[in-house]
Structure formats: structure tokens, C-alpha cells
């Protein structure tokens, strides 16, 4: 039994991406396959729509939230709300 099921914990996962739609999709699929309870916030800092378009496949998953940001900084990404 995963730790989150034993403790009732929910983990917050933040994925920052910039102009890497294939890598972002692969990472999201991997995260979604986890047996842990989590919320996934994807911060898309791309300067084109390729990543956003590729990530739209995940918008109906209640664990996923996608944010578009013009800030190109990992530190700023971690502080988005």
C-alpha cells in the first residue's frame, strides 16, 4: 500500500516546462501513473502553443491544473498561485 494511502496524505507536484511538448507529455503520463494521491500543477512557460496544445489532453483529469506563465524562471514558477 502506498504511503499516501496509509497516511491520507496528498502530495503537490509542480512541473515547469518550456518549449518541450513531448517531454512534458511523457513526464505528465509518468506522474499520472503513480499510485500516490497528488495534485499536479503544470506551469507552461513556452513561447509558442505547442506545449499547451499537447498538454490539453490532460485538462479533464481532476488531479491536473495547467497554468500558462510568461515568467521564465524556475524560482518564479515555484511561487505562482
Protein backbone atom coordinates (compact mmCIF):
# COMPACT_ATOMS: atom_id res chain seq x y z
CA UNK A 1 0.00 0.00 0.00
CA UNK A 2 1.47 3.41 -0.97
CA UNK A 3 2.38 5.80 1.81
CA UNK A 4 -0.30 8.31 0.77
CA UNK A 5 -3.00 5.66 1.19
CA UNK A 6 -1.71 4.72 4.65
CA UNK A 7 -1.48 8.30 5.91
CA UNK A 8 -4.17 10.03 3.86
CA UNK A 9 -1.54 12.44 2.56
CA UNK A 10 -1.83 14.23 -0.76
CA UNK A 11 1.32 15.37 -2.48
CA UNK A 12 1.67 18.52 -4.59
CA UNK A 13 3.74 18.09 -7.74
CA UNK A 14 4.86 21.09 -9.80
CA UNK A 15 6.10 20.56 -13.34
CA UNK A 16 7.64 23.54 -15.12
CA UNK A 17 8.10 23.25 -18.87
CA UNK A 18 9.31 25.45 -21.70
CA UNK A 19 9.11 24.50 -25.38
CA UNK A 20 9.35 20.75 -24.78
CA UNK A 21 5.90 19.37 -25.54
CA UNK A 22 6.96 15.73 -25.99
CA UNK A 23 9.00 15.69 -22.78
CA UNK A 24 6.18 17.39 -20.86
CA UNK A 25 3.61 14.86 -22.04
CA UNK A 26 5.92 11.97 -21.16
CA UNK A 27 6.52 13.44 -17.68
CA UNK A 28 2.80 14.00 -17.07
CA UNK A 29 1.95 10.45 -18.12
CA UNK A 30 4.58 9.12 -15.74
CA UNK A 31 3.28 11.21 -12.85
CA UNK A 32 -0.34 10.25 -13.53
CA UNK A 33 0.62 6.58 -13.42
CA UNK A 34 1.73 6.95 -9.80
CA UNK A 35 -0.37 5.14 -7.20
CA UNK A 36 0.11 8.06 -4.78
CA UNK A 37 -2.53 10.70 -4.17
CA UNK A 38 -1.39 14.01 -5.60
CA UNK A 39 -2.28 17.19 -7.38
CA UNK A 40 -0.21 18.13 -10.42
CA UNK A 41 0.31 21.75 -11.39
CA UNK A 42 1.91 22.20 -14.80
CA UNK A 43 3.41 25.62 -15.46
CA UNK A 44 3.89 26.15 -19.17
CA UNK A 45 6.46 28.87 -19.84
CA UNK A 46 6.68 28.20 -23.57
CA UNK A 47 6.83 30.99 -26.09
CA UNK A 48 4.65 29.05 -28.54
CA UNK A 49 1.47 26.98 -28.26
CA UNK A 50 2.96 23.53 -28.91
CA UNK A 51 3.30 22.55 -25.24
CA UNK A 52 -0.12 23.96 -24.33
CA UNK A 53 -1.72 22.09 -27.22
CA UNK A 54 0.00 18.83 -26.26
CA UNK A 55 -0.99 19.18 -22.59
CA UNK A 56 -4.67 19.80 -23.35
CA UNK A 57 -5.18 16.02 -23.30
CA UNK A 58 -4.89 16.18 -19.50
CA UNK A 59 -7.27 19.05 -18.68
CA UNK A 60 -10.17 16.76 -17.77
CA UNK A 61 -8.16 14.95 -15.09
CA UNK A 62 -9.20 16.39 -11.72
CA UNK A 63 -5.65 15.97 -10.39
CA UNK A 64 -4.19 18.29 -13.05
CA UNK A 65 -4.09 22.08 -13.24
CA UNK A 66 -2.35 23.82 -16.15
CA UNK A 67 -1.10 27.39 -15.86
CA UNK A 68 0.37 29.47 -18.65
CA UNK A 69 3.11 31.84 -17.49
CA UNK A 70 5.29 34.37 -19.25
CA UNK A 71 7.75 34.20 -16.34
CA UNK A 72 10.75 32.17 -17.42
CA UNK A 73 12.28 31.22 -14.12
CA UNK A 74 12.10 28.08 -12.02
CA UNK A 75 12.10 30.12 -8.80
CA UNK A 76 9.18 32.26 -10.01
CA UNK A 77 7.34 29.15 -11.14
CA UNK A 78 7.52 27.69 -7.66
CA UNK A 79 5.87 30.82 -6.29
CA UNK A 80 2.91 31.05 -8.70
CA UNK A 81 -0.54 30.71 -7.19
